[in-house]
C-alpha atoms as a PDB file:
ATOM      1  CA  MET A   1      67.799  88.911  91.042  1.00  0.00           C
ATOM      2  CA  THR A   2      71.445  89.431  91.861  1.00  0.00           C
ATOM      3  CA  LYS A   3      72.241  93.122  91.468  1.00  0.00           C
ATOM      4  CA  VAL A   4      75.480  94.177  89.800  1.00  0.00           C
ATOM      5  CA  LEU A   5      77.585  97.338  89.653  1.00  0.00           C
ATOM      6  CA  VAL A   6      80.150  97.628  86.814  1.00  0.00           C
ATOM      7  CA  ALA A   7      83.093  99.922  87.503  1.00  0.00           C
ATOM      8  CA  GLY A   8      84.844 101.147  84.391  1.00  0.00           C
ATOM      9  CA  PHE A   9      81.661 100.568  82.404  1.00  0.00           C
ATOM     10  CA  THR A  10      82.637 102.994  79.634  1.00  0.00           C
ATOM     11  CA  GLY A  11      85.825 101.086  78.749  1.00  0.00           C
ATOM     12  CA  ALA A  12      86.194  98.154  76.302  1.00  0.00           C
ATOM     13  CA  MET A  13      86.124  95.479  79.026  1.00  0.00           C
ATOM     14  CA  GLY A  14      83.463  97.331  80.993  1.00  0.00           C
ATOM     15  CA  GLN A  15      81.191  97.414  77.930  1.00  0.00           C
ATOM     16  CA  LYS A  16      81.493  93.658  77.519  1.00  0.00           C
ATOM     17  CA  ALA A  17      80.794  93.151  81.233  1.00  0.00           C
ATOM     18  CA  ILE A  18      77.656  95.314  80.844  1.00  0.00           C
ATOM     19  CA  ARG A  19      76.405  93.117  78.046  1.00  0.00           C
ATOM     20  CA  LEU A  20      77.254  89.955  79.978  1.00  0.00           C
ATOM     21  CA  VAL A  21      75.201  91.104  82.993  1.00  0.00           C
ATOM     22  CA  GLN A  22      72.291  92.166  80.785  1.00  0.00           C
ATOM     23  CA  GLU A  23      72.273  88.823  78.913  1.00  0.00           C
ATOM     24  CA  SER A  24      72.668  86.599  82.004  1.00  0.00           C
ATOM     25  CA  GLU A  25      69.534  85.201  83.600  1.00  0.00           C
ATOM     26  CA  GLY A  26      69.161  86.052  87.261  1.00  0.00           C
ATOM     27  CA  TYR A  27      71.336  89.203  87.170  1.00  0.00           C
ATOM     28  CA  GLU A  28      70.340  92.851  87.024  1.00  0.00           C
ATOM     29  CA  LEU A  29      72.575  95.825  86.191  1.00  0.00           C
ATOM     30  CA  VAL A  30      71.794  98.510  88.769  1.00  0.00           C
ATOM     31  CA  THR A  31      74.848 100.782  88.749  1.00  0.00           C
ATOM     32  CA  GLY A  32      77.548 102.015  86.381  1.00  0.00           C
ATOM     33  CA  PHE A  33      80.675 103.771  87.659  1.00  0.00           C
ATOM     34  CA  ALA A  34      83.379 105.473  85.580  1.00  0.00           C
ATOM     35  CA  ALA A  35      85.630 108.001  87.265  1.00  0.00           C
ATOM     36  CA  GLY A  36      85.420 111.490  85.823  1.00  0.00           C
ATOM     37  CA  ILE A  37      82.256 111.188  83.721  1.00  0.00           C
ATOM     38  CA  THR A  38      79.929 114.157  84.008  1.00  0.00           C
ATOM     39  CA  SER A  39      76.580 112.916  82.691  1.00  0.00           C
ATOM     40  CA  LYS A  40      74.473 110.829  85.021  1.00  0.00           C
ATOM     41  CA  ASP A  41      71.842 110.099  82.408  1.00  0.00           C
ATOM     42  CA  PRO A  42      71.965 106.343  81.586  1.00  0.00           C
ATOM     43  CA  LYS A  43      70.511 107.087  78.145  1.00  0.00           C
ATOM     44  CA  ASP A  44      73.775 108.807  77.235  1.00  0.00           C
ATOM     45  CA  TYR A  45      75.428 105.392  77.579  1.00  0.00           C
ATOM     46  CA  ASP A  46      72.659 103.316  75.999  1.00  0.00           C
ATOM     47  CA  LEU A  47      71.678 101.919  79.330  1.00  0.00           C
ATOM     48  CA  PRO A  48      68.155 101.369  80.760  1.00  0.00           C
ATOM     49  CA  ALA A  49      66.585 104.267  82.609  1.00  0.00           C
ATOM     50  CA  GLY A  50      66.777 102.603  86.023  1.00  0.00           C
ATOM     51  CA  VAL A  51      70.600 102.243  86.040  1.00  0.00           C
ATOM     52  CA  ALA A  52      72.308 104.692  88.417  1.00  0.00           C
ATOM     53  CA  ILE A  53      75.397 106.371  86.967  1.00  0.00           C
ATOM     54  CA  TYR A  54      78.298 107.783  88.993  1.00  0.00           C
ATOM     55  CA  GLY A  55      81.571 109.507  88.140  1.00  0.00           C
ATOM     56  CA  ASP A  56      82.862 109.901  91.702  1.00  0.00           C
ATOM     57  CA  LEU A  57      83.645 106.932  93.947  1.00  0.00           C
ATOM     58  CA  ASN A  58      82.620 108.751  97.102  1.00  0.00           C
ATOM     59  CA  GLU A  59      79.192 109.596  95.747  1.00  0.00           C
ATOM     60  CA  ILE A  60      78.164 106.002  94.974  1.00  0.00           C
ATOM     61  CA  GLN A  61      74.972 104.833  96.647  1.00  0.00           C
ATOM     62  CA  THR A  62      73.900 101.377  95.533  1.00  0.00           C
ATOM     63  CA  ASP A  63      72.268  98.159  96.656  1.00  0.00           C
ATOM     64  CA  ALA A  64      74.452  96.096  94.344  1.00  0.00           C
ATOM     65  CA  ASP A  65      75.476  92.591  95.474  1.00  0.00           C
ATOM     66  CA  ILE A  66      78.473  92.310  93.128  1.00  0.00           C
ATOM     67  CA  TRP A  67      81.073  94.889  92.095  1.00  0.00           C
ATOM     68  CA  ILE A  68      82.717  94.040  88.753  1.00  0.00           C
ATOM     69  CA  ASP A  69      85.853  96.111  88.246  1.00  0.00           C
ATOM     70  CA  PHE A  70      87.630  96.823  84.942  1.00  0.00           C
ATOM     71  CA  THR A  71      89.205 100.214  85.689  1.00  0.00           C
ATOM     72  CA  LEU A  72      92.826 101.308  86.100  1.00  0.00           C
ATOM     73  CA  PRO A  73      95.772 100.094  88.200  1.00  0.00           C
ATOM     74  CA  SER A  74      95.820 103.436  89.982  1.00  0.00           C
ATOM     75  CA  ALA A  75      92.160 103.102  91.042  1.00  0.00           C
ATOM     76  CA  VAL A  76      91.670  99.435  91.692  1.00  0.00           C
ATOM     77  CA  TYR A  77      92.793  99.343  95.330  1.00  0.00           C
ATOM     78  CA  ALA A  78      90.469 102.198  96.365  1.00  0.00           C
ATOM     79  CA  ASN A  79      87.616 100.697  94.387  1.00  0.00           C
ATOM     80  CA  THR A  80      88.017  97.233  95.929  1.00  0.00           C
ATOM     81  CA  LYS A  81      88.308  98.713  99.422  1.00  0.00           C
ATOM     82  CA  PHE A  82      85.120 100.729  98.865  1.00  0.00           C
ATOM     83  CA  ALA A  83      83.272  97.617  97.712  1.00  0.00           C
ATOM     84  CA  ILE A  84      84.349  95.576 100.725  1.00  0.00           C
ATOM     85  CA  GLU A  85      83.581  98.384 103.194  1.00  0.00           C
ATOM     86  CA  HIS A  86      80.077  98.591 101.735  1.00  0.00           C
ATOM     87  CA  GLY A  87      79.405  94.853 101.790  1.00  0.00           C
ATOM     88  CA  ILE A  88      79.574  94.376  98.016  1.00  0.00           C
ATOM     89  CA  HIS A  89      81.254  91.235  96.718  1.00  0.00           C
ATOM     90  CA  PRO A  90      84.169  92.338  94.509  1.00  0.00           C
ATOM     91  CA  VAL A  91      85.000  90.632  91.219  1.00  0.00           C
ATOM     92  CA  ILE A  92      88.198  92.379  90.181  1.00  0.00           C
ATOM     93  CA  GLY A  93      89.674  92.067  86.707  1.00  0.00           C
ATOM     94  CA  THR A  94      91.865  95.154  86.967  1.00  0.00           C
ATOM     95  CA  THR A  95      95.548  94.382  87.447  1.00  0.00           C
ATOM     96  CA  GLY A  96      98.153  96.424  89.322  1.00  0.00           C
ATOM     97  CA  LEU A  97      97.470  95.483  92.944  1.00  0.00           C
ATOM     98  CA  THR A  98     100.637  94.851  94.963  1.00  0.00           C
ATOM     99  CA  ASP A  99     101.063  91.773  97.188  1.00  0.00           C
ATOM    100  CA  GLU A 100     100.703  94.046 100.201  1.00  0.00           C
ATOM    101  CA  GLN A 101      97.452  95.591  98.900  1.00  0.00           C
ATOM    102  CA  GLU A 102      95.992  92.163  98.127  1.00  0.00           C
ATOM    103  CA  SER A 103      96.865  91.007 101.649  1.00  0.00           C
ATOM    104  CA  GLU A 104      95.258  94.050 103.214  1.00  0.00           C
ATOM    105  CA  LEU A 105      92.083  93.617 101.127  1.00  0.00           C
ATOM    106  CA  GLN A 106      91.945  89.939 102.108  1.00  0.00           C
ATOM    107  CA  LYS A 107      92.114  90.888 105.778  1.00  0.00           C
ATOM    108  CA  MET A 108      89.299  93.417 105.342  1.00  0.00           C
ATOM    109  CA  ALA A 109      87.075  90.878 103.528  1.00  0.00           C
ATOM    110  CA  SER A 110      87.788  88.171 106.156  1.00  0.00           C
ATOM    111  CA  ALA A 111      86.794  90.588 108.914  1.00  0.00           C
ATOM    112  CA  LYS A 112      83.433  91.008 107.202  1.00  0.00           C
ATOM    113  CA  GLN A 113      83.208  87.342 106.073  1.00  0.00           C
ATOM    114  CA  LEU A 114      82.717  88.726 102.621  1.00  0.00           C
ATOM    115  CA  GLY A 115      83.591  86.668  99.563  1.00  0.00           C
ATOM    116  CA  GLY A 116      85.248  88.092  96.505  1.00  0.00           C
ATOM    117  CA  LEU A 117      87.638  87.319  93.686  1.00  0.00           C
ATOM    118  CA  ILE A 118      90.697  89.027  92.250  1.00  0.00           C
ATOM    119  CA  ALA A 119      91.717  87.502  88.944  1.00  0.00           C
ATOM    120  CA  PRO A 120      94.673  88.639  86.873  1.00  0.00           C
ATOM    121  CA  ASN A 121      93.009  87.007  83.894  1.00  0.00           C
ATOM    122  CA  PHE A 122      89.496  85.712  83.310  1.00  0.00           C
ATOM    123  CA  GLY A 123      90.394  83.849  80.104  1.00  0.00           C
ATOM    124  CA  MET A 124      90.209  80.057  80.498  1.00  0.00           C
ATOM    125  CA  SER A 125      93.276  79.604  78.294  1.00  0.00           C
ATOM    126  CA  ALA A 126      95.310  81.872  80.556  1.00  0.00           C
ATOM    127  CA  VAL A 127      94.097  80.145  83.720  1.00  0.00           C
ATOM    128  CA  LEU A 128      95.066  76.758  82.264  1.00  0.00           C
ATOM    129  CA  LEU A 129      98.434  78.128  81.126  1.00  0.00           C
ATOM    130  CA  MET A 130      99.242  79.166  84.709  1.00  0.00           C
ATOM    131  CA  LYS A 131      98.157  75.793  85.991  1.00  0.00           C
ATOM    132  CA  PHE A 132     100.273  73.893  83.423  1.00  0.00           C
ATOM    133  CA  ALA A 133     103.242  76.177  83.993  1.00  0.00           C
ATOM    134  CA  LYS A 134     103.245  75.450  87.740  1.00  0.00           C
ATOM    135  CA  GLU A 135     103.214  71.733  87.014  1.00  0.00           C
ATOM    136  CA  ALA A 136     106.018  71.946  84.433  1.00  0.00           C
ATOM    137  CA  ALA A 137     108.221  74.005  86.750  1.00  0.00           C
ATOM    138  CA  LYS A 138     108.623  71.001  89.024  1.00  0.00           C
ATOM    139  CA  TYR A 139     110.626  69.325  86.230  1.00  0.00           C
ATOM    140  CA  PHE A 140     111.999  72.381  84.360  1.00  0.00           C
ATOM    141  CA  PRO A 141     113.233  74.948  86.891  1.00  0.00           C
ATOM    142  CA  ASP A 142     114.875  77.096  84.225  1.00  0.00           C
ATOM    143  CA  VAL A 143     112.145  79.320  82.905  1.00  0.00           C
ATOM    144  CA  GLU A 144     111.416  82.717  81.412  1.00  0.00           C
ATOM    145  CA  ILE A 145     108.115  84.427  80.617  1.00  0.00           C
ATOM    146  CA  ILE A 146     107.179  86.612  77.676  1.00  0.00           C
ATOM    147  CA  GLU A 147     103.862  88.504  77.763  1.00  0.00           C
ATOM    148  CA  MET A 148     102.526  90.444  74.785  1.00  0.00           C
ATOM    149  CA  HIS A 149      99.677  92.998  74.934  1.00  0.00           C
ATOM    150  CA  HIS A 150      98.146  95.895  73.021  1.00  0.00           C
ATOM    151  CA  ASP A 151     100.073  99.142  73.174  1.00  0.00           C
ATOM    152  CA  ASN A 152      97.481 100.884  75.367  1.00  0.00           C
ATOM    153  CA  LYS A 153      97.903  98.585  78.358  1.00  0.00           C
ATOM    154  CA  ALA A 154      98.659 100.727  81.403  1.00  0.00           C
ATOM    155  CA  ASP A 155     100.869  98.377  83.460  1.00  0.00           C
ATOM    156  CA  ALA A 156     103.808  96.048  82.939  1.00  0.00           C
ATOM    157  CA  PRO A 157     104.360  93.258  83.473  1.00  0.00           C
ATOM    158  CA  SER A 158     100.813  91.986  83.054  1.00  0.00           C
ATOM    159  CA  GLY A 159      99.081  90.602  86.106  1.00  0.00           C
ATOM    160  CA  THR A 160      98.869  87.245  84.393  1.00  0.00           C
ATOM    161  CA  ALA A 161     102.629  87.085  83.799  1.00  0.00           C
ATOM    162  CA  LEU A 162     103.355  88.076  87.394  1.00  0.00           C
ATOM    163  CA  SER A 163     100.890  85.528  88.731  1.00  0.00           C
ATOM    164  CA  THR A 164     102.440  82.886  86.519  1.00  0.00           C
ATOM    165  CA  ALA A 165     105.871  83.689  87.985  1.00  0.00           C
ATOM    166  CA  LYS A 166     104.485  83.537  91.511  1.00  0.00           C
ATOM    167  CA  LEU A 167     102.904  80.106  90.894  1.00  0.00           C
ATOM    168  CA  ILE A 168     106.119  78.789  89.374  1.00  0.00           C
ATOM    169  CA  ASP A 169     108.124  80.158  92.284  1.00  0.00           C
ATOM    170  CA  GLU A 170     106.013  78.119  94.689  1.00  0.00           C
ATOM    171  CA  VAL A 171     107.327  74.850  93.288  1.00  0.00           C
ATOM    172  CA  ARG A 172     110.552  75.813  91.507  1.00  0.00           C
ATOM    173  CA  PRO A 173     113.650  74.414  93.199  1.00  0.00           C
ATOM    174  CA  GLU A 174     116.084  77.125  94.313  1.00  0.00           C
ATOM    175  CA  HIS A 175     119.040  77.291  91.981  1.00  0.00           C
ATOM    176  CA  GLU A 176     121.161  79.669  89.910  1.00  0.00           C
ATOM    177  CA  GLN A 177     119.701  80.212  86.441  1.00  0.00           C
ATOM    178  CA  GLY A 178     121.854  81.442  83.573  1.00  0.00           C
ATOM    179  CA  ASN A 179     125.367  82.859  83.694  1.00  0.00           C
ATOM    180  CA  PRO A 180     126.121  84.383  87.081  1.00  0.00           C
ATOM    181  CA  ASP A 181     128.681  86.667  85.467  1.00  0.00           C
ATOM    182  CA  GLU A 182     126.475  87.938  82.654  1.00  0.00           C
ATOM    183  CA  THR A 183     126.417  91.696  81.924  1.00  0.00           C
ATOM    184  CA  GLU A 184     123.918  93.864  80.024  1.00  0.00           C
ATOM    185  CA  SER A 185     125.299  96.088  77.284  1.00  0.00           C
ATOM    186  CA  LEU A 186     121.819  97.567  77.017  1.00  0.00           C
ATOM    187  CA  SER A 187     120.167  98.245  80.406  1.00  0.00           C
ATOM    188  CA  GLY A 188     117.087  96.155  81.104  1.00  0.00           C
ATOM    189  CA  VAL A 189     117.518  93.893  78.093  1.00  0.00           C
ATOM    190  CA  ARG A 190     117.078  90.752  80.261  1.00  0.00           C
ATOM    191  CA  GLY A 191     113.651  91.960  81.438  1.00  0.00           C
ATOM    192  CA  GLY A 192     112.241  92.136  84.932  1.00  0.00           C
ATOM    193  CA  ASP A 193     113.354  89.681  87.600  1.00  0.00           C
ATOM    194  CA  TYR A 194     110.956  87.950  89.967  1.00  0.00           C
ATOM    195  CA  HIS A 195     112.989  85.692  92.300  1.00  0.00           C
ATOM    196  CA  GLY A 196     115.275  84.762  89.390  1.00  0.00           C
ATOM    197  CA  ILE A 197     112.451  84.316  86.841  1.00  0.00           C
ATOM    198  CA  HIS A 198     112.868  86.803  83.997  1.00  0.00           C
ATOM    199  CA  ILE A 199     109.710  88.426  82.652  1.00  0.00           C
ATOM    200  CA  HIS A 200     109.654  90.249  79.321  1.00  0.00           C
ATOM    201  CA  ALA A 201     106.806  92.616  78.357  1.00  0.00           C
ATOM    202  CA  VAL A 202     105.892  93.410  74.725  1.00  0.00           C
ATOM    203  CA  ARG A 203     103.538  96.241  73.804  1.00  0.00           C
ATOM    204  CA  LEU A 204     102.421  96.428  70.153  1.00  0.00           C
ATOM    205  CA  PRO A 205      99.327  97.460  68.173  1.00  0.00           C
ATOM    206  CA  GLY A 206      97.355  94.529  66.833  1.00  0.00           C
ATOM    207  CA  TYR A 207      97.875  92.379  69.912  1.00  0.00           C
ATOM    208  CA  VAL A 208      95.232  91.777  72.614  1.00  0.00           C
ATOM    209  CA  ALA A 209      96.640  89.486  75.340  1.00  0.00           C
ATOM    210  CA  HIS A 210      99.180  86.711  74.880  1.00  0.00           C
ATOM    211  CA  GLU A 211     101.723  84.875  76.997  1.00  0.00           C
ATOM    212  CA  GLN A 212     104.511  82.377  76.499  1.00  0.00           C
ATOM    213  CA  VAL A 213     106.292  80.439  79.231  1.00  0.00           C
ATOM    214  CA  LEU A 214     109.593  79.029  78.039  1.00  0.00           C
ATOM    215  CA  PHE A 215     111.240  76.151  79.887  1.00  0.00           C
ATOM    216  CA  GLY A 216     114.706  74.853  79.090  1.00  0.00           C
ATOM    217  CA  GLY A 217     116.581  71.708  80.097  1.00  0.00           C
ATOM    218  CA  PRO A 218     119.550  69.667  78.944  1.00  0.00           C
ATOM    219  CA  GLY A 219     118.917  68.894  75.253  1.00  0.00           C
ATOM    220  CA  GLU A 220     115.244  69.903  75.300  1.00  0.00           C
ATOM    221  CA  ALA A 221     112.798  72.734  75.715  1.00  0.00           C
ATOM    222  CA  LEU A 222     109.105  73.171  76.487  1.00  0.00           C
ATOM    223  CA  THR A 223     106.987  76.168  75.429  1.00  0.00           C
ATOM    224  CA  LEU A 224     103.515  76.916  76.735  1.00  0.00           C
ATOM    225  CA  ARG A 225     101.491  79.629  75.026  1.00  0.00           C
ATOM    226  CA  GLN A 226      98.043  81.097  75.216  1.00  0.00           C
ATOM    227  CA  ASP A 227      96.416  83.717  72.986  1.00  0.00           C
ATOM    228  CA  SER A 228      93.368  85.917  73.590  1.00  0.00           C
ATOM    229  CA  PHE A 229      92.326  87.339  70.228  1.00  0.00           C
ATOM    230  CA  ASP A 230      89.197  89.081  71.485  1.00  0.00           C
ATOM    231  CA  ARG A 231      88.195  90.541  74.858  1.00  0.00           C
ATOM    232  CA  GLN A 232      85.005  88.526  74.660  1.00  0.00           C
ATOM    233  CA  SER A 233      87.102  85.481  75.617  1.00  0.00           C
ATOM    234  CA  PHE A 234      87.380  86.870  79.165  1.00  0.00           C
ATOM    235  CA  MET A 235      83.627  86.952  79.741  1.00  0.00           C
ATOM    236  CA  SER A 236      83.258  83.193  80.325  1.00  0.00           C
ATOM    237  CA  GLY A 237      85.511  83.587  83.339  1.00  0.00           C
ATOM    238  CA  VAL A 238      83.652  86.644  84.562  1.00  0.00           C
ATOM    239  CA  LYS A 239      80.404  84.653  84.410  1.00  0.00           C
ATOM    240  CA  VAL A 240      82.022  81.879  86.456  1.00  0.00           C
ATOM    241  CA  ALA A 241      83.057  84.490  89.018  1.00  0.00           C
ATOM    242  CA  MET A 242      79.554  86.014  89.157  1.00  0.00           C
ATOM    243  CA  ASP A 243      78.053  82.569  89.696  1.00  0.00           C
ATOM    244  CA  HIS A 244      80.407  81.682  92.579  1.00  0.00           C
ATOM    245  CA  VAL A 245      81.280  84.881  94.373  1.00  0.00           C
ATOM    246  CA  LEU A 246      78.234  85.116  96.623  1.00  0.00           C
ATOM    247  CA  ASP A 247      79.058  81.673  98.037  1.00  0.00           C
ATOM    248  CA  LEU A 248      82.640  82.636  98.961  1.00  0.00           C
ATOM    249  CA  LYS A 249      83.548  83.638 102.518  1.00  0.00           C
ATOM    250  CA  GLU A 250      86.933  85.144 101.720  1.00  0.00           C
ATOM    251  CA  LEU A 251      88.658  87.201  99.033  1.00  0.00           C
ATOM    252  CA  VAL A 252      90.179  84.637  96.668  1.00  0.00           C
ATOM    253  CA  ILE A 253      93.139  85.369  94.408  1.00  0.00           C
ATOM    254  CA  GLY A 254      92.942  83.618  91.017  1.00  0.00           C
ATOM    255  CA  LEU A 255      90.032  82.263  89.030  1.00  0.00           C
ATOM    256  CA  GLU A 256      91.564  78.784  89.151  1.00  0.00           C
ATOM    257  CA  ASN A 257      90.726  78.678  92.868  1.00  0.00           C
ATOM    258  CA  VAL A 258      86.988  78.816  92.267  1.00  0.00           C
ATOM    259  CA  LEU A 259      86.767  76.467  89.242  1.00  0.00           C
END
């Protein structure tokens, strides 16, 4: 049995990850971690008696093989570092890591020859959107991104939108987009700017996770869109990560790189 720790197990995504592990053949939930919780009785969380519960990162003692993380942007770096240092394969669904932090974590994992995965989005539709957007950017270099999420999301822009921009930037020809003399009568109205690619973040109740990538060209336009209507849609990607992560020898960024 492959043993699994779920960090952030009391949250909405963490709860779905718990059920995924429990329902997947060949996997065993051995540890739950949620910063700040006081009760260590698994029965208080409707978990089997043998599951160890922790509320403090530094107190964790586990023989888990995989660390699934759905926590907070402020905690994800320390959590991932802890997992790598303790030889646990990280599967990270929490966004908010900087490029520098990802690079540092990759170096740590490489030194231990430990495989892991950081995925800004585990939804298959989002992974395909990023793949298609990168291909389209070769032909439509003028592009903007709109991401829409529930109003409780802690970070902006979303990790998916930022990753989409990074993938587009890899193939997008260098050029000036838009009016070089434009001004903003309302500060920030043009959104964030990643190497000339504007990213707009929407936060509204009723939304879950959605993204549009808009391409424009002379006399035509192309719009790519994906919608996640339920967090359950992310679990197919988490299962793919669980099935592959023990075979990896490095920390991989992006689910598309293990498909």
